[in-house]
C-alpha atoms as a PDB file:
ATOM      1  CA  MET A   1      -4.546  38.740  21.723  1.00  0.00           C
ATOM      2  CA  GLU A   2      -1.838  40.329  19.350  1.00  0.00           C
ATOM      3  CA  GLU A   3       0.669  37.660  19.757  1.00  0.00           C
ATOM      4  CA  GLU A   4      -1.865  35.065  18.449  1.00  0.00           C
ATOM      5  CA  ARG A   5      -2.809  36.897  15.523  1.00  0.00           C
ATOM      6  CA  SER A   6       0.914  37.226  15.091  1.00  0.00           C
ATOM      7  CA  SER A   7       2.190  33.653  15.606  1.00  0.00           C
ATOM      8  CA  GLY A   8      -0.791  32.566  12.833  1.00  0.00           C
ATOM      9  CA  VAL A   9       0.939  34.578  10.348  1.00  0.00           C
ATOM     10  CA  ILE A  10       4.426  33.266  10.997  1.00  0.00           C
ATOM     11  CA  GLY A  11       2.997  30.217  11.065  1.00  0.00           C
ATOM     12  CA  ARG A  12       0.791  30.460   7.407  1.00  0.00           C
ATOM     13  CA  LEU A  13       4.044  32.439   6.238  1.00  0.00           C
ATOM     14  CA  LEU A  14       6.074  29.510   6.732  1.00  0.00           C
ATOM     15  CA  GLY A  15       3.997  26.942   5.598  1.00  0.00           C
ATOM     16  CA  GLY A  16       3.863  28.635   2.719  1.00  0.00           C
ATOM     17  CA  VAL A  17       7.379  28.619   2.407  1.00  0.00           C
ATOM     18  CA  ASN A  18       8.004  25.113   2.932  1.00  0.00           C
ATOM     19  CA  ARG A  19       5.062  24.615   0.423  1.00  0.00           C
ATOM     20  CA  THR A  20       7.469  26.445  -2.308  1.00  0.00           C
ATOM     21  CA  MET A  21      10.486  24.625  -1.690  1.00  0.00           C
ATOM     22  CA  ARG A  22       8.487  21.324  -1.837  1.00  0.00           C
ATOM     23  CA  ARG A  23       7.233  22.040  -5.050  1.00  0.00           C
ATOM     24  CA  LEU A  24      10.605  23.332  -6.362  1.00  0.00           C
ATOM     25  CA  LEU A  25      12.347  20.241  -5.151  1.00  0.00           C
ATOM     26  CA  PHE A  26       9.449  17.993  -6.580  1.00  0.00           C
ATOM     27  CA  THR A  27       9.607  19.509  -9.999  1.00  0.00           C
ATOM     28  CA  PHE A  28      13.573  19.070 -10.212  1.00  0.00           C
ATOM     29  CA  MET A  29      13.012  15.337  -8.797  1.00  0.00           C
ATOM     30  CA  SER A  30      10.040  15.331 -11.989  1.00  0.00           C
ATOM     31  CA  SER A  31      13.193  15.789 -14.116  1.00  0.00           C
ATOM     32  CA  GLY A  32      14.051  11.812 -13.913  1.00  0.00           C
ATOM     33  CA  PRO A  33      11.930   8.831 -13.544  1.00  0.00           C
ATOM     34  CA  ILE A  34       9.286   8.653 -10.676  1.00  0.00           C
ATOM     35  CA  PRO A  35       7.863   5.646  -9.739  1.00  0.00           C
ATOM     36  CA  GLN A  36       4.744   4.593 -10.255  1.00  0.00           C
ATOM     37  CA  HIS A  37       3.872   2.397  -7.182  1.00  0.00           C
ATOM     38  CA  ILE A  38       5.098   2.727  -3.700  1.00  0.00           C
ATOM     39  CA  ALA A  39       4.918  -0.064  -1.042  1.00  0.00           C
ATOM     40  CA  PHE A  40       5.175   0.502   2.595  1.00  0.00           C
ATOM     41  CA  ILE A  41       5.646  -1.644   5.842  1.00  0.00           C
ATOM     42  CA  MET A  42       4.595   0.254   8.235  1.00  0.00           C
ATOM     43  CA  ASP A  43       6.778  -0.827  11.141  1.00  0.00           C
ATOM     44  CA  GLY A  44       7.677   0.951  14.333  1.00  0.00           C
ATOM     45  CA  ASN A  45       4.234   2.458  15.714  1.00  0.00           C
ATOM     46  CA  ARG A  46       4.858   0.594  19.532  1.00  0.00           C
ATOM     47  CA  ARG A  47       8.418   1.126  19.759  1.00  0.00           C
ATOM     48  CA  PHE A  48       7.735   5.137  18.957  1.00  0.00           C
ATOM     49  CA  ALA A  49       5.259   4.698  21.707  1.00  0.00           C
ATOM     50  CA  LYS A  50       7.989   3.064  24.282  1.00  0.00           C
ATOM     51  CA  LYS A  51      10.607   5.168  22.641  1.00  0.00           C
ATOM     52  CA  TRP A  52       8.426   9.156  23.891  1.00  0.00           C
ATOM     53  CA  LYS A  53       6.530   6.938  27.161  1.00  0.00           C
ATOM     54  CA  LEU A  54       3.256   7.469  25.434  1.00  0.00           C
ATOM     55  CA  GLU A  55       0.025   5.781  26.369  1.00  0.00           C
ATOM     56  CA  GLU A  56      -0.993   2.730  24.756  1.00  0.00           C
ATOM     57  CA  GLY A  57      -2.492   3.405  21.341  1.00  0.00           C
ATOM     58  CA  ALA A  58      -0.549   6.872  21.049  1.00  0.00           C
ATOM     59  CA  GLY A  59       2.346   5.032  18.626  1.00  0.00           C
ATOM     60  CA  HIS A  60      -0.905   4.196  16.303  1.00  0.00           C
ATOM     61  CA  LYS A  61      -1.944   7.739  16.495  1.00  0.00           C
ATOM     62  CA  ALA A  62       1.015   9.188  15.342  1.00  0.00           C
ATOM     63  CA  GLY A  63       1.438   6.432  12.556  1.00  0.00           C
ATOM     64  CA  PHE A  64      -1.856   7.302  11.069  1.00  0.00           C
ATOM     65  CA  LEU A  65      -0.660  11.009  11.104  1.00  0.00           C
ATOM     66  CA  ALA A  66       2.544   9.936   9.692  1.00  0.00           C
ATOM     67  CA  LEU A  67       0.860   7.969   6.838  1.00  0.00           C
ATOM     68  CA  MET A  68      -1.400  11.297   6.237  1.00  0.00           C
ATOM     69  CA  SER A  69       2.092  12.833   5.193  1.00  0.00           C
ATOM     70  CA  VAL A  70       3.376  10.397   3.260  1.00  0.00           C
ATOM     71  CA  LEU A  71       0.385  10.113   1.420  1.00  0.00           C
ATOM     72  CA  LYS A  72       0.526  13.636   0.364  1.00  0.00           C
ATOM     73  CA  TYR A  73       4.058  13.826  -0.304  1.00  0.00           C
ATOM     74  CA  CYS A  74       3.618  10.745  -2.515  1.00  0.00           C
ATOM     75  CA  TYR A  75       1.251  12.256  -4.779  1.00  0.00           C
ATOM     76  CA  GLU A  76       2.388  15.302  -5.117  1.00  0.00           C
ATOM     77  CA  VAL A  77       5.753  13.778  -6.481  1.00  0.00           C
ATOM     78  CA  GLY A  78       3.685  12.275  -9.404  1.00  0.00           C
ATOM     79  CA  VAL A  79       3.465   8.705  -7.294  1.00  0.00           C
ATOM     80  CA  LYS A  80       0.373   7.476  -8.496  1.00  0.00           C
ATOM     81  CA  TYR A  81      -0.246   3.733  -6.292  1.00  0.00           C
ATOM     82  CA  VAL A  82       0.827   3.709  -2.707  1.00  0.00           C
ATOM     83  CA  THR A  83      -0.009   0.684  -0.782  1.00  0.00           C
ATOM     84  CA  VAL A  84       0.423  -0.119   2.928  1.00  0.00           C
ATOM     85  CA  TYR A  85       0.770  -3.073   4.821  1.00  0.00           C
ATOM     86  CA  ALA A  86      -1.938  -2.687   7.489  1.00  0.00           C
ATOM     87  CA  PHE A  87      -2.555  -5.959   9.276  1.00  0.00           C
ATOM     88  CA  SER A  88      -1.171  -9.552   8.496  1.00  0.00           C
ATOM     89  CA  LEU A  89      -2.951 -12.643   8.457  1.00  0.00           C
ATOM     90  CA  ASP A  90      -0.642 -13.995  10.390  1.00  0.00           C
ATOM     91  CA  ASN A  91      -2.133 -11.382  13.156  1.00  0.00           C
ATOM     92  CA  PHE A  92      -5.021 -13.269  14.087  1.00  0.00           C
ATOM     93  CA  ASN A  93      -2.739 -15.781  15.931  1.00  0.00           C
ATOM     94  CA  ARG A  94      -2.054 -13.308  18.543  1.00  0.00           C
ATOM     95  CA  ARG A  95      -4.268 -13.012  21.672  1.00  0.00           C
ATOM     96  CA  PRO A  96      -8.077 -12.102  21.096  1.00  0.00           C
ATOM     97  CA  ASP A  97      -7.808  -8.751  23.021  1.00  0.00           C
ATOM     98  CA  GLU A  98      -4.913  -8.193  21.275  1.00  0.00           C
ATOM     99  CA  VAL A  99      -6.687  -9.015  17.589  1.00  0.00           C
ATOM    100  CA  GLN A 100     -10.043  -7.060  19.063  1.00  0.00           C
ATOM    101  CA  TYR A 101      -7.916  -3.685  20.163  1.00  0.00           C
ATOM    102  CA  VAL A 102      -6.370  -3.525  16.689  1.00  0.00           C
ATOM    103  CA  MET A 103      -9.387  -4.039  15.256  1.00  0.00           C
ATOM    104  CA  ASP A 104     -10.542  -1.128  16.779  1.00  0.00           C
ATOM    105  CA  ILE A 105      -8.109   0.818  16.409  1.00  0.00           C
ATOM    106  CA  MET A 106      -8.299   0.142  12.556  1.00  0.00           C
ATOM    107  CA  HIS A 107     -12.063   0.835  12.511  1.00  0.00           C
ATOM    108  CA  GLU A 108     -11.131   4.053  13.973  1.00  0.00           C
ATOM    109  CA  LYS A 109      -8.508   4.828  11.117  1.00  0.00           C
ATOM    110  CA  ILE A 110     -10.722   3.917   8.048  1.00  0.00           C
ATOM    111  CA  GLU A 111     -13.386   6.605   9.455  1.00  0.00           C
ATOM    112  CA  GLY A 112     -11.091   8.902  10.548  1.00  0.00           C
ATOM    113  CA  PHE A 113      -9.406   9.069   6.594  1.00  0.00           C
ATOM    114  CA  LEU A 114     -12.891   9.345   5.561  1.00  0.00           C
ATOM    115  CA  LYS A 115     -12.961  12.634   7.241  1.00  0.00           C
ATOM    116  CA  GLU A 116      -9.959  13.782   5.708  1.00  0.00           C
ATOM    117  CA  LEU A 117     -12.002  14.761   2.513  1.00  0.00           C
ATOM    118  CA  ASP A 118      -9.540  17.719   1.638  1.00  0.00           C
ATOM    119  CA  MET A 119      -7.022  15.447   0.789  1.00  0.00           C
ATOM    120  CA  VAL A 120      -9.007  12.349  -1.016  1.00  0.00           C
ATOM    121  CA  ASN A 121     -11.001  15.325  -3.396  1.00  0.00           C
ATOM    122  CA  ARG A 122      -7.545  17.279  -3.870  1.00  0.00           C
ATOM    123  CA  TYR A 123      -5.695  13.984  -5.222  1.00  0.00           C
ATOM    124  CA  GLY A 124      -8.503  12.383  -6.345  1.00  0.00           C
ATOM    125  CA  VAL A 125      -7.677   8.883  -4.071  1.00  0.00           C
ATOM    126  CA  ARG A 126      -9.365   5.866  -4.444  1.00  0.00           C
ATOM    127  CA  VAL A 127      -9.282   3.735  -1.689  1.00  0.00           C
ATOM    128  CA  LEU A 128      -8.992  -0.201  -2.126  1.00  0.00           C
ATOM    129  CA  PHE A 129      -8.534  -2.775   0.733  1.00  0.00           C
ATOM    130  CA  ILE A 130      -6.779  -5.881  -0.599  1.00  0.00           C
ATOM    131  CA  GLY A 131      -6.941  -9.700   1.352  1.00  0.00           C
ATOM    132  CA  ASP A 132      -8.949 -11.570   3.161  1.00  0.00           C
ATOM    133  CA  LEU A 133     -11.965  -9.346   3.800  1.00  0.00           C
ATOM    134  CA  ASN A 134     -13.975 -11.707   5.363  1.00  0.00           C
ATOM    135  CA  ARG A 135     -11.686 -12.629   8.230  1.00  0.00           C
ATOM    136  CA  LEU A 136     -12.151  -9.016   9.678  1.00  0.00           C
ATOM    137  CA  ASP A 137     -15.019  -7.842  12.059  1.00  0.00           C
ATOM    138  CA  GLU A 138     -17.747  -6.683  10.818  1.00  0.00           C
ATOM    139  CA  PRO A 139     -17.598  -3.298  11.878  1.00  0.00           C
ATOM    140  CA  VAL A 140     -14.134  -2.802   9.902  1.00  0.00           C
ATOM    141  CA  ARG A 141     -15.544  -4.412   6.833  1.00  0.00           C
ATOM    142  CA  VAL A 142     -18.621  -2.294   6.767  1.00  0.00           C
ATOM    143  CA  ALA A 143     -16.496   0.846   7.088  1.00  0.00           C
ATOM    144  CA  ALA A 144     -13.742  -0.697   4.329  1.00  0.00           C
ATOM    145  CA  GLU A 145     -16.563  -1.404   1.965  1.00  0.00           C
ATOM    146  CA  LYS A 146     -17.850   2.611   2.694  1.00  0.00           C
ATOM    147  CA  ALA A 147     -14.619   3.769   2.173  1.00  0.00           C
ATOM    148  CA  MET A 148     -14.204   1.873  -1.241  1.00  0.00           C
ATOM    149  CA  GLU A 149     -17.619   3.104  -2.517  1.00  0.00           C
ATOM    150  CA  ALA A 150     -16.983   6.513  -1.444  1.00  0.00           C
ATOM    151  CA  THR A 151     -13.999   6.701  -3.041  1.00  0.00           C
ATOM    152  CA  ALA A 152     -14.861   4.206  -6.323  1.00  0.00           C
ATOM    153  CA  LYS A 153     -15.141   7.110  -9.173  1.00  0.00           C
ATOM    154  CA  ASN A 154     -11.685   8.529  -7.971  1.00  0.00           C
ATOM    155  CA  THR A 155      -9.127   7.384 -10.656  1.00  0.00           C
ATOM    156  CA  LYS A 156      -6.125  10.030 -10.206  1.00  0.00           C
ATOM    157  CA  THR A 157      -4.265   8.114  -7.730  1.00  0.00           C
ATOM    158  CA  TYR A 158      -5.214   4.900  -5.206  1.00  0.00           C
ATOM    159  CA  LEU A 159      -4.218   3.764  -1.944  1.00  0.00           C
ATOM    160  CA  LEU A 160      -4.646  -0.276  -1.592  1.00  0.00           C
ATOM    161  CA  VAL A 161      -4.951  -0.950   1.891  1.00  0.00           C
ATOM    162  CA  CYS A 162      -3.695  -4.840   2.741  1.00  0.00           C
ATOM    163  CA  VAL A 163      -5.421  -6.130   5.566  1.00  0.00           C
ATOM    164  CA  ALA A 164      -6.027  -9.827   6.184  1.00  0.00           C
ATOM    165  CA  TYR A 165      -3.177 -10.185   3.831  1.00  0.00           C
ATOM    166  CA  THR A 166      -0.358 -12.490   3.448  1.00  0.00           C
ATOM    167  CA  SER A 167       1.051 -13.277   0.013  1.00  0.00           C
ATOM    168  CA  SER A 168       1.690 -17.479   1.474  1.00  0.00           C
ATOM    169  CA  HIS A 169      -2.234 -16.503   1.339  1.00  0.00           C
ATOM    170  CA  GLU A 170      -2.431 -14.707  -1.995  1.00  0.00           C
ATOM    171  CA  ILE A 171      -0.366 -17.105  -4.124  1.00  0.00           C
ATOM    172  CA  PRO A 172      -1.703 -20.391  -3.494  1.00  0.00           C
ATOM    173  CA  ARG A 173      -5.450 -18.680  -3.831  1.00  0.00           C
ATOM    174  CA  ALA A 174      -4.322 -17.338  -6.988  1.00  0.00           C
ATOM    175  CA  ILE A 175      -3.041 -20.870  -8.162  1.00  0.00           C
ATOM    176  CA  TYR A 176      -6.623 -22.617  -6.979  1.00  0.00           C
ATOM    177  CA  GLU A 177      -8.446 -20.101  -8.720  1.00  0.00           C
ATOM    178  CA  ALA A 178      -6.420 -20.403 -12.080  1.00  0.00           C
ATOM    179  CA  CYS A 179      -6.940 -23.622 -11.575  1.00  0.00           C
ATOM    180  CA  GLN A 180     -10.694 -23.911 -11.536  1.00  0.00           C
ATOM    181  CA  GLU A 181     -11.351 -21.431 -14.449  1.00  0.00           C
ATOM    182  CA  LYS A 182      -8.894 -23.331 -16.612  1.00  0.00           C
ATOM    183  CA  SER A 183     -10.083 -26.619 -15.559  1.00  0.00           C
ATOM    184  CA  GLY A 184     -14.222 -25.035 -16.112  1.00  0.00           C
ATOM    185  CA  LEU A 185     -12.520 -24.051 -19.665  1.00  0.00           C
ATOM    186  CA  ALA A 186     -11.588 -27.617 -20.159  1.00  0.00           C
ATOM    187  CA  LEU A 187     -14.826 -29.409 -18.952  1.00  0.00           C
ATOM    188  CA  ALA A 188     -16.830 -27.424 -21.346  1.00  0.00           C
ATOM    189  CA  LEU A 189     -14.559 -28.065 -24.760  1.00  0.00           C
ATOM    190  CA  ASN A 190     -14.650 -31.583 -23.789  1.00  0.00           C
ATOM    191  CA  GLN A 191     -18.300 -31.608 -23.737  1.00  0.00           C
ATOM    192  CA  ASN A 192     -18.760 -29.624 -26.986  1.00  0.00           C
ATOM    193  CA  GLY A 193     -16.275 -32.260 -28.331  1.00  0.00           C
ATOM    194  CA  LYS A 194     -13.920 -29.703 -29.251  1.00  0.00           C
ATOM    195  CA  ASN A 195     -10.170 -30.230 -29.440  1.00  0.00           C
ATOM    196  CA  ILE A 196     -10.771 -33.172 -26.974  1.00  0.00           C
ATOM    197  CA  ASP A 197      -7.144 -35.102 -27.954  1.00  0.00           C
ATOM    198  CA  GLY A 198      -5.164 -31.815 -27.371  1.00  0.00           C
ATOM    199  CA  ILE A 199      -7.250 -30.100 -24.637  1.00  0.00           C
ATOM    200  CA  VAL A 200      -4.814 -30.921 -21.593  1.00  0.00           C
ATOM    201  CA  ASN A 201      -1.664 -29.438 -23.562  1.00  0.00           C
ATOM    202  CA  VAL A 202      -3.487 -27.063 -25.782  1.00  0.00           C
ATOM    203  CA  ASN A 203      -6.172 -25.249 -23.020  1.00  0.00           C
ATOM    204  CA  VAL A 204      -4.915 -26.059 -19.723  1.00  0.00           C
ATOM    205  CA  VAL A 205      -1.459 -24.604 -19.558  1.00  0.00           C
ATOM    206  CA  ILE A 206      -1.595 -22.355 -16.493  1.00  0.00           C
ATOM    207  CA  LYS A 207       0.915 -19.184 -17.298  1.00  0.00           C
ATOM    208  CA  VAL A 208       1.872 -16.448 -15.459  1.00  0.00           C
ATOM    209  CA  VAL A 209      -0.319 -14.115 -16.710  1.00  0.00           C
ATOM    210  CA  ASP A 210      -3.017 -16.680 -15.132  1.00  0.00           C
ATOM    211  CA  LEU A 211      -2.345 -16.835 -12.060  1.00  0.00           C
ATOM    212  CA  GLU A 212      -1.305 -12.756 -11.273  1.00  0.00           C
ATOM    213  CA  LYS A 213      -4.932 -11.937 -12.820  1.00  0.00           C
ATOM    214  CA  HIS A 214      -6.297 -14.004  -9.686  1.00  0.00           C
ATOM    215  CA  MET A 215      -3.586 -12.398  -7.283  1.00  0.00           C
ATOM    216  CA  TYR A 216      -5.110  -9.696  -4.625  1.00  0.00           C
ATOM    217  CA  MET A 217      -2.577  -7.067  -6.176  1.00  0.00           C
ATOM    218  CA  GLY A 218      -3.492  -8.102  -9.596  1.00  0.00           C
ATOM    219  CA  VAL A 219      -5.382  -4.651  -9.878  1.00  0.00           C
ATOM    220  CA  VAL A 220      -2.381  -2.622  -9.886  1.00  0.00           C
ATOM    221  CA  PRO A 221       1.417  -2.624 -11.484  1.00  0.00           C
ATOM    222  CA  ASP A 222       4.056  -4.221  -9.243  1.00  0.00           C
ATOM    223  CA  PRO A 223       5.710  -1.836  -6.750  1.00  0.00           C
ATOM    224  CA  ASP A 224       8.878  -0.007  -8.135  1.00  0.00           C
ATOM    225  CA  ILE A 225       9.572   0.374  -4.517  1.00  0.00           C
ATOM    226  CA  LEU A 226       8.903  -1.251  -1.155  1.00  0.00           C
ATOM    227  CA  VAL A 227       9.902   1.063   1.869  1.00  0.00           C
ATOM    228  CA  ARG A 228      10.022  -0.860   5.176  1.00  0.00           C
ATOM    229  CA  SER A 229      10.364   2.131   7.997  1.00  0.00           C
ATOM    230  CA  SER A 230      12.745   1.552  11.834  1.00  0.00           C
ATOM    231  CA  GLY A 231      15.314  -0.027   9.749  1.00  0.00           C
ATOM    232  CA  GLU A 232      14.571  -3.479   9.521  1.00  0.00           C
ATOM    233  CA  THR A 233      14.964  -5.824   6.295  1.00  0.00           C
ATOM    234  CA  ARG A 234      12.883  -8.274   6.544  1.00  0.00           C
ATOM    235  CA  LEU A 235       9.224  -8.401   4.088  1.00  0.00           C
ATOM    236  CA  SER A 236       6.753 -10.418   6.664  1.00  0.00           C
ATOM    237  CA  ASN A 237       5.037 -12.039   3.852  1.00  0.00           C
ATOM    238  CA  PHE A 238       4.081  -8.678   2.525  1.00  0.00           C
ATOM    239  CA  LEU A 239       4.076  -8.934  -2.014  1.00  0.00           C
ATOM    240  CA  LEU A 240       6.700 -11.461  -2.326  1.00  0.00           C
ATOM    241  CA  TRP A 241       5.819 -12.211  -5.753  1.00  0.00           C
ATOM    242  CA  GLN A 242       5.391  -8.709  -6.510  1.00  0.00           C
ATOM    243  CA  SER A 243       8.280  -7.541  -5.153  1.00  0.00           C
ATOM    244  CA  THR A 244      11.218  -9.541  -7.144  1.00  0.00           C
ATOM    245  CA  ASN A 245      12.540  -6.254  -9.531  1.00  0.00           C
ATOM    246  CA  CYS A 246      11.846  -3.948  -6.949  1.00  0.00           C
ATOM    247  CA  LEU A 247      14.117  -1.652  -4.637  1.00  0.00           C
ATOM    248  CA  LEU A 248      14.032  -2.537  -1.302  1.00  0.00           C
ATOM    249  CA  TYR A 249      14.322   1.042   1.097  1.00  0.00           C
ATOM    250  CA  SER A 250      14.796   0.583   4.748  1.00  0.00           C
ATOM    251  CA  PRO A 251      15.198   4.041   6.515  1.00  0.00           C
ATOM    252  CA  LYS A 252      15.601   3.783  10.265  1.00  0.00           C
ATOM    253  CA  ALA A 253      13.240   6.179  11.592  1.00  0.00           C
ATOM    254  CA  LEU A 254      10.100   4.608  12.887  1.00  0.00           C
ATOM    255  CA  TRP A 255       6.756   4.969  11.336  1.00  0.00           C
ATOM    256  CA  PRO A 256       5.490   8.000  13.279  1.00  0.00           C
ATOM    257  CA  GLU A 257       8.549   9.524  12.580  1.00  0.00           C
ATOM    258  CA  MET A 258       8.263   8.738   8.602  1.00  0.00           C
ATOM    259  CA  GLY A 259       7.927  12.361   6.262  1.00  0.00           C
ATOM    260  CA  PHE A 260       9.005  14.563   3.553  1.00  0.00           C
ATOM    261  CA  TRP A 261      12.854  13.507   3.651  1.00  0.00           C
ATOM    262  CA  GLN A 262      12.361   9.307   3.846  1.00  0.00           C
ATOM    263  CA  VAL A 263      10.161  10.019   0.908  1.00  0.00           C
ATOM    264  CA  VAL A 264      12.797  12.186  -1.053  1.00  0.00           C
ATOM    265  CA  TRP A 265      15.632   9.413   0.000  1.00  0.00           C
ATOM    266  CA  GLY A 266      13.738   6.357  -1.170  1.00  0.00           C
ATOM    267  CA  ILE A 267      12.523   7.815  -4.680  1.00  0.00           C
ATOM    268  CA  LEU A 268      16.690   9.514  -5.201  1.00  0.00           C
ATOM    269  CA  LYS A 269      17.866   5.989  -4.456  1.00  0.00           C
ATOM    270  CA  TYR A 270      15.269   4.366  -7.097  1.00  0.00           C
ATOM    271  CA  GLN A 271      16.474   7.071  -9.677  1.00  0.00           C
ATOM    272  CA  ARG A 272      19.482   5.962  -9.235  1.00  0.00           C
ATOM    273  CA  SER A 273      18.775   2.411  -9.335  1.00  0.00           C
ATOM    274  CA  TYR A 274      16.357   2.521 -12.456  1.00  0.00           C
ATOM    275  CA  TYR A 275      18.307   1.173 -15.511  1.00  0.00           C
ATOM    276  CA  TYR A 276      19.234  -1.361 -13.582  1.00  0.00           C
ATOM    277  CA  LEU A 277      16.189  -2.178 -12.209  1.00  0.00           C
ATOM    278  CA  GLU A 278      14.224  -1.850 -15.551  1.00  0.00           C
ATOM    279  CA  LYS A 279      17.584  -4.169 -17.238  1.00  0.00           C
ATOM    280  CA  LYS A 280      16.056  -7.047 -14.588  1.00  0.00           C
ATOM    281  CA  LYS A 281      12.257  -6.557 -15.187  1.00  0.00           C
ATOM    282  CA  LYS A 282      12.988  -6.901 -18.986  1.00  0.00           C
ATOM    283  CA  GLN A 283      15.571  -9.864 -18.417  1.00  0.00           C
ATOM    284  CA  ALA A 284      12.107 -11.545 -16.267  1.00  0.00           C
END
């Protein structure tokens, strides 16, 4: 009993020291530019489970714990928007049993996130699910809608979860919706007899801002850093439109191994490249 009490005191003491050191480091880092938006491709859950000879699904459970830690560190250092790539539209091409397995895990993790009310309320997290949500199983879609509704009044920080998403779906969809919007405007002007001669040249010009307005990711600024764990450098059809002028960072850690130091090094790399990236954004 005495040993348990002592170990508990030591654990709380070490936890307090870690939090203090973390705050000091983040305060020092805040003297430089802090990214507003970091996006993550969460790669390596299965390889982590295989590496440690864990049962099926254990890698995803460890990955969820890593996500909670990464979110905490990002929000503590001052990052406002965090986006994670949870499920690609291309994943629907897998075997039906594999798709159902991932859907079940996703449903479990959304429900699990809603139970993390301490973190959600402490950092004022608003959750947004991004993508073709109609492709999701009904229980997953309902859970996603429930999470968005439960956090709708939070505005301090944001978590965007990309599900049933690919850039090759997002971009043509945005073009189609922009064309529909402009053609409707042209038809209305034509019926009213206004600017008939100049309507095509003046009123039906589709600009970049028109496309971006209809992008799934148009609700937040473009990412400053795009991180893919496990050392992979492929973007896998993720944020291709939005990542033109952002830093690409590929730590070797598998996703469940991601944590404090990966977040710190990513931000330090961003600070080192900040003026170059800003110059490229202005040129664009």
